[in-house]
Amino acid sequence: SGLFPDFFAYYEDVDLSWRLRNAGYTIVVTPRARVKHIGSATTSQNRPFFEWYAARNRIWLFRRNLQLWQKPFVLPILIVARLLLLLPSLGNWEILKARASGLWAGMVAEPPKF
C-alpha cells in the first residue's frame, strides 16, 4: 500500500520510504531529478494545523515503523524531546495547544495500519 489518507501533510514521505526499505527495497538518490515543492502551500496561513499534524505524525512515524524491540528505547526519548520542544511555545497559547494536543494524539490514537 502507498500513502494513507489519515497520515498526510507531514512525514508521509518518510513513512513510505521507511516501509519500502523495511520491505527490502533499496532507496536511491537521483541527483539530477528536480521536484518543485511549494513548502507550506496548504498550511501557510494555518500554523496550528501545521503544528498539530507535524507533532502527531512525527510520533506515528516511529510507532508505525520501529521494530518492537526498538520502541521501548526510542519512543520515550522522542516523547521527552517533543515535550521539551513545547517550552518555546509557552508564550503562544494557540501554538502550545496545537503542539501538545498533536503530541497526545500521536501517543494515544492508533496510527493507520499497513
Protein backbone atom coordinates (compact mmCIF):
# COMPACT_ATOMS: atom_id res chain seq x y z
CA SER A 1 0.00 0.00 0.00
CA GLY A 2 1.11 3.55 -0.60
CA LEU A 3 0.19 6.69 1.28
CA PHE A 4 -2.55 6.62 3.90
CA PRO A 5 -5.30 9.29 3.90
CA ASP A 6 -5.10 9.71 7.69
CA PHE A 7 -1.33 10.12 7.58
CA PHE A 8 -0.98 13.13 5.36
CA ALA A 9 0.71 16.52 5.16
CA TYR A 10 3.83 15.75 7.22
CA TYR A 11 6.18 12.74 7.35
CA GLU A 12 4.08 10.67 4.93
CA ASP A 13 7.00 10.59 2.50
CA VAL A 14 9.41 9.40 5.20
CA ASP A 15 6.86 6.78 6.28
CA LEU A 16 6.57 5.46 2.72
CA SER A 17 10.37 5.33 2.32
CA TRP A 18 10.79 3.58 5.66
CA ARG A 19 8.16 0.96 4.77
CA LEU A 20 9.72 0.37 1.35
CA ARG A 21 13.14 -0.09 2.94
CA ASN A 22 11.70 -2.48 5.55
CA ALA A 23 10.11 -4.45 2.71
CA GLY A 24 13.54 -4.98 1.15
CA TYR A 25 13.56 -2.26 -1.48
CA THR A 26 16.58 -0.05 -1.97
CA ILE A 27 16.13 3.70 -1.62
CA VAL A 28 18.28 5.57 -4.11
CA VAL A 29 19.10 9.20 -4.73
CA THR A 30 18.80 10.62 -8.21
CA PRO A 31 20.80 13.86 -8.08
CA ARG A 32 19.61 15.10 -11.49
CA ALA A 33 15.91 14.76 -10.64
CA ARG A 34 14.09 18.01 -9.86
CA VAL A 35 10.89 18.42 -7.89
CA LYS A 36 9.13 21.71 -7.38
CA HIS A 37 7.90 21.73 -3.80
CA ILE A 38 5.81 24.60 -2.60
CA GLY A 39 6.57 24.39 1.12
CA SER A 40 3.60 25.01 3.39
CA ALA A 41 1.33 25.79 0.46
CA THR A 42 -1.54 24.09 2.30
CA THR A 43 -0.86 25.41 5.77
CA SER A 44 0.99 28.70 5.44
CA GLN A 45 -2.00 30.58 6.87
CA ASN A 46 -2.88 27.94 9.46
CA ARG A 47 0.04 27.45 11.82
CA PRO A 48 -1.92 25.43 14.45
CA PHE A 49 -2.90 22.95 11.70
CA PHE A 50 0.78 22.50 10.83
CA GLU A 51 1.85 22.16 14.46
CA TRP A 52 -0.85 19.58 15.29
CA TYR A 53 -0.25 17.33 12.27
CA ALA A 54 3.54 17.61 12.46
CA ALA A 55 3.51 16.63 16.16
CA ARG A 56 1.08 13.73 15.69
CA ASN A 57 2.66 12.37 12.53
CA ARG A 58 6.17 12.51 13.96
CA ILE A 59 5.10 10.15 16.75
CA TRP A 60 3.05 7.98 14.37
CA LEU A 61 6.06 7.65 12.07
CA PHE A 62 8.11 5.99 14.78
CA ARG A 63 5.24 3.99 16.25
CA ARG A 64 4.48 2.56 12.81
CA ASN A 65 8.00 1.78 11.65
CA LEU A 66 10.21 0.92 14.59
CA GLN A 67 10.69 -2.74 15.32
CA LEU A 68 9.02 -3.89 18.52
CA TRP A 69 12.32 -4.20 20.41
CA GLN A 70 13.31 -0.63 19.45
CA LYS A 71 10.15 1.06 20.72
CA PRO A 72 10.93 0.97 24.48
CA PHE A 73 14.25 2.68 23.80
CA VAL A 74 13.35 5.22 21.12
CA LEU A 75 9.79 6.31 21.91
CA PRO A 76 10.44 7.63 25.45
CA ILE A 77 13.40 9.68 24.21
CA LEU A 78 11.34 11.03 21.31
CA ILE A 79 8.43 11.95 23.58
CA VAL A 80 10.66 13.71 26.14
CA ALA A 81 12.36 15.64 23.33
CA ARG A 82 8.99 16.68 21.93
CA LEU A 83 7.82 17.76 25.40
CA LEU A 84 10.93 19.92 25.79
CA LEU A 85 10.18 21.48 22.43
CA LEU A 86 6.88 22.70 23.85
CA LEU A 87 8.80 25.21 26.01
CA PRO A 88 9.48 27.77 23.24
CA SER A 89 5.73 28.00 22.55
CA LEU A 90 4.78 28.87 26.15
CA GLY A 91 4.08 32.46 25.12
CA ASN A 92 1.67 31.44 22.36
CA TRP A 93 -1.31 29.52 23.73
CA GLU A 94 -2.68 28.58 20.29
CA ILE A 95 0.61 27.01 19.16
CA LEU A 96 1.24 25.36 22.52
CA LYS A 97 -2.23 23.82 22.47
CA ALA A 98 -1.78 22.55 18.89
CA ARG A 99 1.65 21.02 19.62
CA ALA A 100 0.59 19.42 22.90
CA SER A 101 -2.68 18.01 21.56
CA GLY A 102 -0.95 16.71 18.41
CA LEU A 103 1.69 15.02 20.57
CA TRP A 104 -1.05 13.49 22.72
CA ALA A 105 -2.94 12.28 19.64
CA GLY A 106 0.25 10.68 18.32
CA MET A 107 0.69 8.78 21.57
CA VAL A 108 -2.89 7.59 22.15
CA ALA A 109 -4.55 7.36 18.72
CA GLU A 110 -3.84 4.25 16.73
CA PRO A 111 -1.76 5.01 13.63
CA PRO A 112 -3.04 3.70 10.28
CA LYS A 113 -2.29 0.02 9.69
CA PHE A 114 -0.10 -1.21 6.89
